[in-house]
Amino acid sequence: MTGERQKTAPVILFTYNRPDHTRRTIEALAANELAADTALYVCSDAAKKEADEKAVREIRDYVRTVKGFSEVVLTERKQNYGLAKNIIEGVTEVVNRHGTVIVLEDDLVTNRYFLRFMNDGLRRYQEEKRVTGVTGYSFLDDGTGYERESFLCGLTGTSWSWATWADRWADFDADAAGWERLRTDAAYRKAFNYDNTYDFYRILKAQQTDAGTNSWAIRWYYTNFLKEGLILSPTRSLVGNEGWDGSGVHCGKGSAPAAVHALKTDAAIKDFPDRICEEPDVRRRLKRELIRLSEPDLLKRIWHRLFRRNYIGQA
């Protein structure tokens, strides 16, 4: 109805043992335009070892003081879940309650238009079932030159901010049933690896065969790959990752990868794709960026672009 305020999607934030990161994530989110209309759920995992207990308590004490949102709901795990289980169970509970959810981890810092973009995307593509989510992160380099403000693509498994609907999340297969086909079908594996520009198969294989791998995101990517799903992304990132200090589960220590961007967008995004597809120009640009991520060495990148041989046959 005209003039009626539309309901905003809730945010669920997953934390473990990084109080300073958590504070920066929440403070940046609270500075968003729609923060006051947004419910914030914080899912705090329990300490895995005694050395982490103080940091976990510090995070929980801080979250109890947080203001600036329509409500703040803290879930305190009594036992250590680990990242994947914590996210899967937390997302399932919140998205089933509200119908939509926006998901953040505790090393992500958003700019002030992040919540607007995520909510606008969720509303715009709610009935487009091939669109399986929205992210505030862009795989495109900040200086890409792509003229549109946003795009749809098949790189649906990013964990650097994402959002989805309850009906899409209902398709999530935590077991990644049928993944073994990737072992023997080179063409299938090539498609899964985004035309052999990034070794997503290696991550999924580790998830399925190595008990030490704890990734929900690669299983979400596989779920959407089977559906030929698409995700809405801004051309310039609305979220940055500050976890490249050795403190996180999956982020290394040292310099961040090329895909970590400055938050340069200082205007609300109003331009959204009308065609529900991955445009050829978008795919071409994304493949170039993925090669740069997977092969930092210039000579290897040139070899890769010429022959596309990096991941062929590596089953």
C-alpha atoms as a PDB file:
ATOM      1  CA  MET A   1       0.000   0.000   0.000  1.00  0.00           C
ATOM      2  CA  THR A   2       1.204   3.523  -0.755  1.00  0.00           C
ATOM      3  CA  GLY A   3       2.791   5.167   2.278  1.00  0.00           C
ATOM      4  CA  GLU A   4       2.988   1.934   4.264  1.00  0.00           C
ATOM      5  CA  ARG A   5       6.425   1.185   5.673  1.00  0.00           C
ATOM      6  CA  GLN A   6       7.745  -2.101   4.333  1.00  0.00           C
ATOM      7  CA  LYS A   7       9.110  -4.583   6.819  1.00  0.00           C
ATOM      8  CA  THR A   8      12.877  -4.857   6.912  1.00  0.00           C
ATOM      9  CA  ALA A   9      14.671  -8.185   7.001  1.00  0.00           C
ATOM     10  CA  PRO A  10      16.316  -9.170  10.292  1.00  0.00           C
ATOM     11  CA  VAL A  11      20.099  -9.440  10.530  1.00  0.00           C
ATOM     12  CA  ILE A  12      21.781 -12.402  12.183  1.00  0.00           C
ATOM     13  CA  LEU A  13      25.392 -11.920  13.240  1.00  0.00           C
ATOM     14  CA  PHE A  14      27.618 -14.868  14.145  1.00  0.00           C
ATOM     15  CA  THR A  15      30.368 -14.319  16.688  1.00  0.00           C
ATOM     16  CA  TYR A  16      32.989 -16.350  18.481  1.00  0.00           C
ATOM     17  CA  ASN A  17      36.088 -14.919  20.202  1.00  0.00           C
ATOM     18  CA  ARG A  18      36.848 -11.558  18.576  1.00  0.00           C
ATOM     19  CA  PRO A  19      35.401  -8.729  20.714  1.00  0.00           C
ATOM     20  CA  ASP A  20      37.050  -5.871  18.801  1.00  0.00           C
ATOM     21  CA  HIS A  21      35.938  -7.212  15.417  1.00  0.00           C
ATOM     22  CA  THR A  22      32.420  -7.756  16.734  1.00  0.00           C
ATOM     23  CA  ARG A  23      32.225  -4.208  18.054  1.00  0.00           C
ATOM     24  CA  ARG A  24      33.334  -2.716  14.722  1.00  0.00           C
ATOM     25  CA  THR A  25      30.847  -4.874  12.817  1.00  0.00           C
ATOM     26  CA  ILE A  26      27.933  -3.834  15.022  1.00  0.00           C
ATOM     27  CA  GLU A  27      28.894  -0.155  15.118  1.00  0.00           C
ATOM     28  CA  ALA A  28      29.098  -0.001  11.324  1.00  0.00           C
ATOM     29  CA  LEU A  29      25.761  -1.784  10.997  1.00  0.00           C
ATOM     30  CA  ALA A  30      24.146   0.595  13.512  1.00  0.00           C
ATOM     31  CA  ALA A  31      25.244   3.511  11.301  1.00  0.00           C
ATOM     32  CA  ASN A  32      23.156   2.136   8.409  1.00  0.00           C
ATOM     33  CA  GLU A  33      20.090   4.063   7.273  1.00  0.00           C
ATOM     34  CA  LEU A  34      17.671   1.264   8.185  1.00  0.00           C
ATOM     35  CA  ALA A  35      19.291   0.106  11.415  1.00  0.00           C
ATOM     36  CA  ALA A  36      16.570   1.515  13.670  1.00  0.00           C
ATOM     37  CA  ASP A  37      13.977  -0.529  11.769  1.00  0.00           C
ATOM     38  CA  THR A  38      16.038  -3.724  11.833  1.00  0.00           C
ATOM     39  CA  ALA A  39      16.046  -6.557  14.365  1.00  0.00           C
ATOM     40  CA  LEU A  40      19.565  -7.751  15.182  1.00  0.00           C
ATOM     41  CA  TYR A  41      20.065 -11.358  16.225  1.00  0.00           C
ATOM     42  CA  VAL A  42      23.498 -12.205  17.600  1.00  0.00           C
ATOM     43  CA  CYS A  43      24.407 -15.882  17.766  1.00  0.00           C
ATOM     44  CA  SER A  44      27.383 -16.317  20.089  1.00  0.00           C
ATOM     45  CA  ASP A  45      29.167 -19.658  19.926  1.00  0.00           C
ATOM     46  CA  ALA A  46      30.520 -21.169  23.147  1.00  0.00           C
ATOM     47  CA  ALA A  47      34.245 -21.401  23.778  1.00  0.00           C
ATOM     48  CA  LYS A  48      35.981 -24.409  22.291  1.00  0.00           C
ATOM     49  CA  LYS A  49      38.887 -24.062  24.722  1.00  0.00           C
ATOM     50  CA  GLU A  50      39.387 -22.404  28.075  1.00  0.00           C
ATOM     51  CA  ALA A  51      41.608 -19.693  26.594  1.00  0.00           C
ATOM     52  CA  ASP A  52      38.626 -18.352  24.591  1.00  0.00           C
ATOM     53  CA  GLU A  53      36.136 -18.126  27.446  1.00  0.00           C
ATOM     54  CA  LYS A  54      37.049 -14.559  28.452  1.00  0.00           C
ATOM     55  CA  ALA A  55      36.624 -13.252  24.905  1.00  0.00           C
ATOM     56  CA  VAL A  56      33.287 -15.026  24.525  1.00  0.00           C
ATOM     57  CA  ARG A  57      32.021 -13.473  27.779  1.00  0.00           C
ATOM     58  CA  GLU A  58      33.260 -10.046  26.699  1.00  0.00           C
ATOM     59  CA  ILE A  59      31.307 -10.276  23.444  1.00  0.00           C
ATOM     60  CA  ARG A  60      28.128 -11.343  25.225  1.00  0.00           C
ATOM     61  CA  ASP A  61      28.421  -8.556  27.791  1.00  0.00           C
ATOM     62  CA  TYR A  62      28.924  -6.025  24.987  1.00  0.00           C
ATOM     63  CA  VAL A  63      25.956  -7.257  22.945  1.00  0.00           C
ATOM     64  CA  ARG A  64      23.673  -6.737  25.964  1.00  0.00           C
ATOM     65  CA  THR A  65      24.521  -3.007  25.804  1.00  0.00           C
ATOM     66  CA  VAL A  66      23.927  -2.543  22.062  1.00  0.00           C
ATOM     67  CA  LYS A  67      21.400   0.095  20.991  1.00  0.00           C
ATOM     68  CA  GLY A  68      20.265   1.493  17.670  1.00  0.00           C
ATOM     69  CA  PHE A  69      18.221  -1.448  16.355  1.00  0.00           C
ATOM     70  CA  SER A  70      14.516  -2.224  16.670  1.00  0.00           C
ATOM     71  CA  GLU A  71      15.527  -5.076  18.981  1.00  0.00           C
ATOM     72  CA  VAL A  72      18.642  -7.038  19.865  1.00  0.00           C
ATOM     73  CA  VAL A  73      18.295 -10.760  20.544  1.00  0.00           C
ATOM     74  CA  LEU A  74      21.296 -12.642  21.921  1.00  0.00           C
ATOM     75  CA  THR A  75      21.579 -16.419  21.609  1.00  0.00           C
ATOM     76  CA  GLU A  76      24.305 -17.879  23.819  1.00  0.00           C
ATOM     77  CA  ARG A  77      25.373 -21.353  22.770  1.00  0.00           C
ATOM     78  CA  LYS A  78      26.017 -23.579  25.788  1.00  0.00           C
ATOM     79  CA  GLN A  79      28.335 -25.865  23.828  1.00  0.00           C
ATOM     80  CA  ASN A  80      30.736 -25.099  21.003  1.00  0.00           C
ATOM     81  CA  TYR A  81      28.954 -25.594  17.678  1.00  0.00           C
ATOM     82  CA  GLY A  82      31.703 -24.589  15.271  1.00  0.00           C
ATOM     83  CA  LEU A  83      31.128 -22.110  12.458  1.00  0.00           C
ATOM     84  CA  ALA A  84      29.112 -24.226  10.028  1.00  0.00           C
ATOM     85  CA  LYS A  85      26.663 -25.722  12.533  1.00  0.00           C
ATOM     86  CA  ASN A  86      26.203 -22.378  14.254  1.00  0.00           C
ATOM     87  CA  ILE A  87      25.349 -20.661  10.979  1.00  0.00           C
ATOM     88  CA  ILE A  88      23.126 -23.408   9.580  1.00  0.00           C
ATOM     89  CA  GLU A  89      21.010 -23.697  12.735  1.00  0.00           C
ATOM     90  CA  GLY A  90      20.899 -19.946  13.365  1.00  0.00           C
ATOM     91  CA  VAL A  91      19.914 -19.037   9.813  1.00  0.00           C
ATOM     92  CA  THR A  92      17.274 -21.772   9.724  1.00  0.00           C
ATOM     93  CA  GLU A  93      15.635 -20.535  12.925  1.00  0.00           C
ATOM     94  CA  VAL A  94      15.556 -16.844  11.987  1.00  0.00           C
ATOM     95  CA  VAL A  95      14.601 -17.190   8.308  1.00  0.00           C
ATOM     96  CA  ASN A  96      11.772 -19.586   9.147  1.00  0.00           C
ATOM     97  CA  ARG A  97      10.458 -17.122  11.722  1.00  0.00           C
ATOM     98  CA  HIS A  98      10.671 -14.006   9.517  1.00  0.00           C
ATOM     99  CA  GLY A  99      10.659 -15.270   5.931  1.00  0.00           C
ATOM    100  CA  THR A 100      13.903 -13.444   5.088  1.00  0.00           C
ATOM    101  CA  VAL A 101      17.306 -13.041   6.722  1.00  0.00           C
ATOM    102  CA  ILE A 102      20.509 -11.041   6.252  1.00  0.00           C
ATOM    103  CA  VAL A 103      23.638 -12.833   7.456  1.00  0.00           C
ATOM    104  CA  LEU A 104      26.915 -11.352   8.722  1.00  0.00           C
ATOM    105  CA  GLU A 105      30.017 -12.747  10.373  1.00  0.00           C
ATOM    106  CA  ASP A 106      32.014 -10.861  12.973  1.00  0.00           C
ATOM    107  CA  ASP A 107      34.786  -9.517  10.737  1.00  0.00           C
ATOM    108  CA  LEU A 108      32.562  -7.745   8.192  1.00  0.00           C
ATOM    109  CA  VAL A 109      32.208  -3.964   8.147  1.00  0.00           C
ATOM    110  CA  THR A 110      29.378  -2.450   6.130  1.00  0.00           C
ATOM    111  CA  ASN A 111      28.816   1.008   4.749  1.00  0.00           C
ATOM    112  CA  ARG A 112      25.640   2.961   5.450  1.00  0.00           C
ATOM    113  CA  TYR A 113      23.773   1.784   2.332  1.00  0.00           C
ATOM    114  CA  PHE A 114      24.292  -1.935   2.955  1.00  0.00           C
ATOM    115  CA  LEU A 115      20.938  -2.637   4.643  1.00  0.00           C
ATOM    116  CA  ARG A 116      19.036  -0.621   2.035  1.00  0.00           C
ATOM    117  CA  PHE A 117      20.581  -2.598  -0.821  1.00  0.00           C
ATOM    118  CA  MET A 118      19.972  -5.956   0.852  1.00  0.00           C
ATOM    119  CA  ASN A 119      16.341  -5.143   1.616  1.00  0.00           C
ATOM    120  CA  ASP A 120      15.671  -3.645  -1.809  1.00  0.00           C
ATOM    121  CA  GLY A 121      17.129  -6.774  -3.417  1.00  0.00           C
ATOM    122  CA  LEU A 122      15.060  -9.105  -1.262  1.00  0.00           C
ATOM    123  CA  ARG A 123      11.873  -7.242  -2.156  1.00  0.00           C
ATOM    124  CA  ARG A 124      12.639  -6.877  -5.845  1.00  0.00           C
ATOM    125  CA  TYR A 125      13.459 -10.532  -6.532  1.00  0.00           C
ATOM    126  CA  GLN A 126      11.191 -12.229  -4.002  1.00  0.00           C
ATOM    127  CA  GLU A 127       9.096 -13.875  -6.731  1.00  0.00           C
ATOM    128  CA  GLU A 128      12.043 -14.633  -9.038  1.00  0.00           C
ATOM    129  CA  LYS A 129      12.814 -18.134  -7.792  1.00  0.00           C
ATOM    130  CA  ARG A 130      16.022 -18.458  -9.789  1.00  0.00           C
ATOM    131  CA  VAL A 131      17.473 -15.616  -7.702  1.00  0.00           C
ATOM    132  CA  THR A 132      18.543 -17.419  -4.541  1.00  0.00           C
ATOM    133  CA  GLY A 133      20.093 -14.563  -2.604  1.00  0.00           C
ATOM    134  CA  VAL A 134      21.583 -11.101  -2.261  1.00  0.00           C
ATOM    135  CA  THR A 135      25.083 -10.086  -1.172  1.00  0.00           C
ATOM    136  CA  GLY A 136      26.648  -6.756  -0.302  1.00  0.00           C
ATOM    137  CA  TYR A 137      30.009  -8.044  -1.531  1.00  0.00           C
ATOM    138  CA  SER A 138      31.347  -7.808  -5.084  1.00  0.00           C
ATOM    139  CA  PHE A 139      33.898 -10.091  -6.709  1.00  0.00           C
ATOM    140  CA  LEU A 140      34.546  -7.320  -9.221  1.00  0.00           C
ATOM    141  CA  ASP A 141      37.543  -5.119  -8.549  1.00  0.00           C
ATOM    142  CA  ASP A 142      36.785  -1.564  -7.406  1.00  0.00           C
ATOM    143  CA  GLY A 143      38.115  -0.196 -10.675  1.00  0.00           C
ATOM    144  CA  THR A 144      36.246  -2.628 -12.896  1.00  0.00           C
ATOM    145  CA  GLY A 145      34.603  -0.023 -15.125  1.00  0.00           C
ATOM    146  CA  TYR A 146      31.341  -1.993 -15.287  1.00  0.00           C
ATOM    147  CA  GLU A 147      28.641   0.592 -15.920  1.00  0.00           C
ATOM    148  CA  ARG A 148      25.685  -0.919 -14.053  1.00  0.00           C
ATOM    149  CA  GLU A 149      25.328  -0.456 -10.287  1.00  0.00           C
ATOM    150  CA  SER A 150      24.472  -4.097  -9.629  1.00  0.00           C
ATOM    151  CA  PHE A 151      24.417  -7.456 -11.379  1.00  0.00           C
ATOM    152  CA  LEU A 152      23.227 -11.061 -11.126  1.00  0.00           C
ATOM    153  CA  CYS A 153      25.764 -13.885 -11.162  1.00  0.00           C
ATOM    154  CA  GLY A 154      26.226 -17.556 -10.348  1.00  0.00           C
ATOM    155  CA  LEU A 155      28.780 -17.074  -7.546  1.00  0.00           C
ATOM    156  CA  THR A 156      26.154 -17.756  -4.914  1.00  0.00           C
ATOM    157  CA  GLY A 157      28.304 -19.134  -2.097  1.00  0.00           C
ATOM    158  CA  THR A 158      29.968 -16.002  -0.756  1.00  0.00           C
ATOM    159  CA  SER A 159      30.041 -15.725   3.033  1.00  0.00           C
ATOM    160  CA  TRP A 160      31.042 -12.051   3.042  1.00  0.00           C
ATOM    161  CA  SER A 161      27.442 -10.955   3.690  1.00  0.00           C
ATOM    162  CA  TRP A 162      24.404 -12.578   2.159  1.00  0.00           C
ATOM    163  CA  ALA A 163      20.649 -12.715   2.401  1.00  0.00           C
ATOM    164  CA  THR A 164      17.962 -15.119   1.300  1.00  0.00           C
ATOM    165  CA  TRP A 165      14.329 -16.146   1.631  1.00  0.00           C
ATOM    166  CA  ALA A 166      12.868 -19.059   3.611  1.00  0.00           C
ATOM    167  CA  ASP A 167      11.743 -20.941   0.503  1.00  0.00           C
ATOM    168  CA  ARG A 168      15.228 -20.805  -1.055  1.00  0.00           C
ATOM    169  CA  TRP A 169      16.952 -21.782   2.192  1.00  0.00           C
ATOM    170  CA  ALA A 170      14.598 -24.762   2.478  1.00  0.00           C
ATOM    171  CA  ASP A 171      16.468 -26.276  -0.496  1.00  0.00           C
ATOM    172  CA  PHE A 172      19.816 -26.153   1.323  1.00  0.00           C
ATOM    173  CA  ASP A 173      21.385 -29.620   1.357  1.00  0.00           C
ATOM    174  CA  ALA A 174      23.899 -29.932   4.186  1.00  0.00           C
ATOM    175  CA  ASP A 175      24.903 -33.353   2.826  1.00  0.00           C
ATOM    176  CA  ALA A 176      25.645 -32.063  -0.709  1.00  0.00           C
ATOM    177  CA  ALA A 177      24.061 -35.210  -2.111  1.00  0.00           C
ATOM    178  CA  GLY A 178      25.478 -36.286  -5.467  1.00  0.00           C
ATOM    179  CA  TRP A 179      28.687 -34.300  -5.155  1.00  0.00           C
ATOM    180  CA  GLU A 180      30.697 -37.404  -6.144  1.00  0.00           C
ATOM    181  CA  ARG A 181      29.804 -36.794  -9.784  1.00  0.00           C
ATOM    182  CA  LEU A 182      32.346 -33.982  -9.702  1.00  0.00           C
ATOM    183  CA  ARG A 183      35.106 -36.574  -9.259  1.00  0.00           C
ATOM    184  CA  THR A 184      34.552 -38.246 -12.618  1.00  0.00           C
ATOM    185  CA  ASP A 185      32.732 -35.743 -14.833  1.00  0.00           C
ATOM    186  CA  ALA A 186      35.287 -33.174 -16.017  1.00  0.00           C
ATOM    187  CA  ALA A 187      32.719 -31.019 -17.814  1.00  0.00           C
ATOM    188  CA  TYR A 188      30.496 -30.952 -14.730  1.00  0.00           C
ATOM    189  CA  ARG A 189      33.486 -30.057 -12.562  1.00  0.00           C
ATOM    190  CA  LYS A 190      34.501 -27.327 -15.004  1.00  0.00           C
ATOM    191  CA  ALA A 191      31.060 -25.743 -14.695  1.00  0.00           C
ATOM    192  CA  PHE A 192      31.185 -25.985 -10.898  1.00  0.00           C
ATOM    193  CA  ASN A 193      34.605 -24.292 -10.970  1.00  0.00           C
ATOM    194  CA  TYR A 194      33.135 -21.372 -12.908  1.00  0.00           C
ATOM    195  CA  ASP A 195      34.703 -22.379 -16.192  1.00  0.00           C
ATOM    196  CA  ASN A 196      37.817 -23.561 -14.327  1.00  0.00           C
ATOM    197  CA  THR A 197      38.689 -20.142 -12.981  1.00  0.00           C
ATOM    198  CA  TYR A 198      38.530 -21.078  -9.265  1.00  0.00           C
ATOM    199  CA  ASP A 199      38.860 -24.447  -7.547  1.00  0.00           C
ATOM    200  CA  PHE A 200      35.502 -24.631  -5.743  1.00  0.00           C
ATOM    201  CA  TYR A 201      35.624 -28.407  -6.175  1.00  0.00           C
ATOM    202  CA  ARG A 202      38.678 -28.664  -3.928  1.00  0.00           C
ATOM    203  CA  ILE A 203      36.780 -26.897  -1.130  1.00  0.00           C
ATOM    204  CA  LEU A 204      33.702 -29.103  -1.513  1.00  0.00           C
ATOM    205  CA  LYS A 205      35.801 -32.252  -1.657  1.00  0.00           C
ATOM    206  CA  ALA A 206      37.573 -31.243   1.560  1.00  0.00           C
ATOM    207  CA  GLN A 207      34.226 -30.516   3.203  1.00  0.00           C
ATOM    208  CA  GLN A 208      32.928 -33.970   2.313  1.00  0.00           C
ATOM    209  CA  THR A 209      36.078 -35.995   3.029  1.00  0.00           C
ATOM    210  CA  ASP A 210      38.066 -34.080   5.678  1.00  0.00           C
ATOM    211  CA  ALA A 211      36.572 -33.850   9.158  1.00  0.00           C
ATOM    212  CA  GLY A 212      38.632 -30.725   9.818  1.00  0.00           C
ATOM    213  CA  THR A 213      36.871 -28.694   7.109  1.00  0.00           C
ATOM    214  CA  ASN A 214      33.901 -26.722   8.417  1.00  0.00           C
ATOM    215  CA  SER A 215      32.320 -24.806   5.528  1.00  0.00           C
ATOM    216  CA  TRP A 216      28.606 -24.199   5.159  1.00  0.00           C
ATOM    217  CA  ALA A 217      29.206 -21.762   2.259  1.00  0.00           C
ATOM    218  CA  ILE A 218      30.535 -24.316  -0.225  1.00  0.00           C
ATOM    219  CA  ARG A 219      27.498 -26.504   0.415  1.00  0.00           C
ATOM    220  CA  TRP A 220      25.195 -23.535  -0.154  1.00  0.00           C
ATOM    221  CA  TYR A 221      27.059 -22.834  -3.396  1.00  0.00           C
ATOM    222  CA  TYR A 222      26.609 -26.469  -4.472  1.00  0.00           C
ATOM    223  CA  THR A 223      22.878 -26.336  -3.648  1.00  0.00           C
ATOM    224  CA  ASN A 224      22.452 -23.265  -5.835  1.00  0.00           C
ATOM    225  CA  PHE A 225      24.731 -24.619  -8.572  1.00  0.00           C
ATOM    226  CA  LEU A 226      22.334 -27.543  -9.004  1.00  0.00           C
ATOM    227  CA  LYS A 227      19.459 -25.068  -9.379  1.00  0.00           C
ATOM    228  CA  GLU A 228      21.405 -22.720 -11.681  1.00  0.00           C
ATOM    229  CA  GLY A 229      20.774 -20.098  -9.028  1.00  0.00           C
ATOM    230  CA  LEU A 230      21.802 -16.449  -9.191  1.00  0.00           C
ATOM    231  CA  ILE A 231      22.753 -13.904  -6.560  1.00  0.00           C
ATOM    232  CA  LEU A 232      22.330 -10.136  -6.703  1.00  0.00           C
ATOM    233  CA  SER A 233      25.550  -8.230  -6.061  1.00  0.00           C
ATOM    234  CA  PRO A 234      26.538  -4.556  -6.095  1.00  0.00           C
ATOM    235  CA  THR A 235      29.199  -3.647  -8.627  1.00  0.00           C
ATOM    236  CA  ARG A 236      31.169  -1.919  -5.879  1.00  0.00           C
ATOM    237  CA  SER A 237      31.255  -3.672  -2.530  1.00  0.00           C
ATOM    238  CA  LEU A 238      29.168  -2.386   0.351  1.00  0.00           C
ATOM    239  CA  VAL A 239      31.040  -4.616   2.794  1.00  0.00           C
ATOM    240  CA  GLY A 240      34.703  -5.052   3.676  1.00  0.00           C
ATOM    241  CA  ASN A 241      36.430  -7.901   5.485  1.00  0.00           C
ATOM    242  CA  GLU A 242      38.709  -6.964   8.399  1.00  0.00           C
ATOM    243  CA  GLY A 243      39.492 -10.528   9.419  1.00  0.00           C
ATOM    244  CA  TRP A 244      42.864 -10.867   7.710  1.00  0.00           C
ATOM    245  CA  ASP A 245      44.866 -10.765  10.918  1.00  0.00           C
ATOM    246  CA  GLY A 246      44.925 -14.470  11.718  1.00  0.00           C
ATOM    247  CA  SER A 247      42.021 -14.220  14.170  1.00  0.00           C
ATOM    248  CA  GLY A 248      39.350 -15.931  12.081  1.00  0.00           C
ATOM    249  CA  VAL A 249      38.502 -19.513  11.164  1.00  0.00           C
ATOM    250  CA  HIS A 250      38.995 -19.247   7.409  1.00  0.00           C
ATOM    251  CA  CYS A 251      40.968 -16.008   6.941  1.00  0.00           C
ATOM    252  CA  GLY A 252      44.730 -16.158   6.896  1.00  0.00           C
ATOM    253  CA  LYS A 253      47.224 -13.850   8.537  1.00  0.00           C
ATOM    254  CA  GLY A 254      48.940 -11.184   6.494  1.00  0.00           C
ATOM    255  CA  SER A 255      47.875  -9.191   3.463  1.00  0.00           C
ATOM    256  CA  ALA A 256      44.274  -9.530   2.359  1.00  0.00           C
ATOM    257  CA  PRO A 257      43.470 -11.016  -1.041  1.00  0.00           C
ATOM    258  CA  ALA A 258      42.794  -8.803  -4.023  1.00  0.00           C
ATOM    259  CA  ALA A 259      39.046  -9.227  -3.573  1.00  0.00           C
ATOM    260  CA  VAL A 260      38.938  -7.177  -0.372  1.00  0.00           C
ATOM    261  CA  HIS A 261      37.731  -3.727  -1.408  1.00  0.00           C
ATOM    262  CA  ALA A 262      37.596  -0.258   0.014  1.00  0.00           C
ATOM    263  CA  LEU A 263      34.033   0.863   0.669  1.00  0.00           C
ATOM    264  CA  LYS A 264      33.892   3.576  -1.970  1.00  0.00           C
ATOM    265  CA  THR A 265      30.169   3.601  -2.724  1.00  0.00           C
ATOM    266  CA  ASP A 266      28.646   6.705  -1.157  1.00  0.00           C
ATOM    267  CA  ALA A 267      25.192   6.627  -2.692  1.00  0.00           C
ATOM    268  CA  ALA A 268      22.213   4.291  -2.428  1.00  0.00           C
ATOM    269  CA  ILE A 269      22.040   1.763  -5.267  1.00  0.00           C
ATOM    270  CA  LYS A 270      18.951   2.251  -7.415  1.00  0.00           C
ATOM    271  CA  ASP A 271      19.916   0.362 -10.575  1.00  0.00           C
ATOM    272  CA  PHE A 272      18.906  -3.328 -10.571  1.00  0.00           C
ATOM    273  CA  PRO A 273      18.971  -5.914 -13.387  1.00  0.00           C
ATOM    274  CA  ASP A 274      15.691  -6.559 -15.190  1.00  0.00           C
ATOM    275  CA  ARG A 275      16.882  -9.676 -17.016  1.00  0.00           C
ATOM    276  CA  ILE A 276      17.103 -12.707 -14.746  1.00  0.00           C
ATOM    277  CA  CYS A 277      20.372 -14.069 -16.058  1.00  0.00           C
ATOM    278  CA  GLU A 278      24.107 -13.731 -15.763  1.00  0.00           C
ATOM    279  CA  GLU A 279      25.028 -11.302 -18.524  1.00  0.00           C
ATOM    280  CA  PRO A 280      27.987 -12.383 -20.729  1.00  0.00           C
ATOM    281  CA  ASP A 281      29.915  -9.219 -19.867  1.00  0.00           C
ATOM    282  CA  VAL A 282      29.475  -9.901 -16.152  1.00  0.00           C
ATOM    283  CA  ARG A 283      30.677 -13.476 -16.539  1.00  0.00           C
ATOM    284  CA  ARG A 284      33.712 -12.381 -18.534  1.00  0.00           C
ATOM    285  CA  ARG A 285      34.692  -9.843 -15.887  1.00  0.00           C
ATOM    286  CA  LEU A 286      34.103 -12.251 -13.011  1.00  0.00           C
ATOM    287  CA  LYS A 287      36.228 -14.966 -14.597  1.00  0.00           C
ATOM    288  CA  ARG A 288      39.071 -12.496 -14.937  1.00  0.00           C
ATOM    289  CA  GLU A 289      38.781 -11.572 -11.258  1.00  0.00           C
ATOM    290  CA  LEU A 290      38.620 -15.208 -10.120  1.00  0.00           C
ATOM    291  CA  ILE A 291      41.763 -16.041 -12.087  1.00  0.00           C
ATOM    292  CA  ARG A 292      43.485 -13.139 -10.367  1.00  0.00           C
ATOM    293  CA  LEU A 293      42.397 -14.486  -6.982  1.00  0.00           C
ATOM    294  CA  SER A 294      43.384 -18.062  -7.666  1.00  0.00           C
ATOM    295  CA  GLU A 295      46.673 -17.219  -9.405  1.00  0.00           C
ATOM    296  CA  PRO A 296      48.391 -14.155  -7.910  1.00  0.00           C
ATOM    297  CA  ASP A 297      51.473 -14.855 -10.046  1.00  0.00           C
ATOM    298  CA  LEU A 298      51.243 -12.965 -13.356  1.00  0.00           C
ATOM    299  CA  LEU A 299      52.809 -15.696 -15.512  1.00  0.00           C
ATOM    300  CA  LYS A 300      50.460 -18.315 -14.064  1.00  0.00           C
ATOM    301  CA  ARG A 301      47.503 -16.043 -14.757  1.00  0.00           C
ATOM    302  CA  ILE A 302      48.562 -15.695 -18.381  1.00  0.00           C
ATOM    303  CA  TRP A 303      48.933 -19.485 -18.702  1.00  0.00           C
ATOM    304  CA  HIS A 304      45.540 -19.969 -17.104  1.00  0.00           C
ATOM    305  CA  ARG A 305      43.802 -17.531 -19.437  1.00  0.00           C
ATOM    306  CA  LEU A 306      45.377 -19.131 -22.478  1.00  0.00           C
ATOM    307  CA  PHE A 307      44.816 -22.782 -21.616  1.00  0.00           C
ATOM    308  CA  ARG A 308      42.287 -23.006 -18.708  1.00  0.00           C
ATOM    309  CA  ARG A 309      44.180 -26.044 -17.407  1.00  0.00           C
ATOM    310  CA  ASN A 310      44.517 -25.363 -13.716  1.00  0.00           C
ATOM    311  CA  TYR A 311      41.637 -27.456 -12.446  1.00  0.00           C
ATOM    312  CA  ILE A 312      40.897 -29.815 -15.316  1.00  0.00           C
ATOM    313  CA  GLY A 313      41.172 -33.437 -14.246  1.00  0.00           C
ATOM    314  CA  GLN A 314      42.138 -32.654 -10.645  1.00  0.00           C
ATOM    315  CA  ALA A 315      39.663 -35.041  -9.079  1.00  0.00           C
END
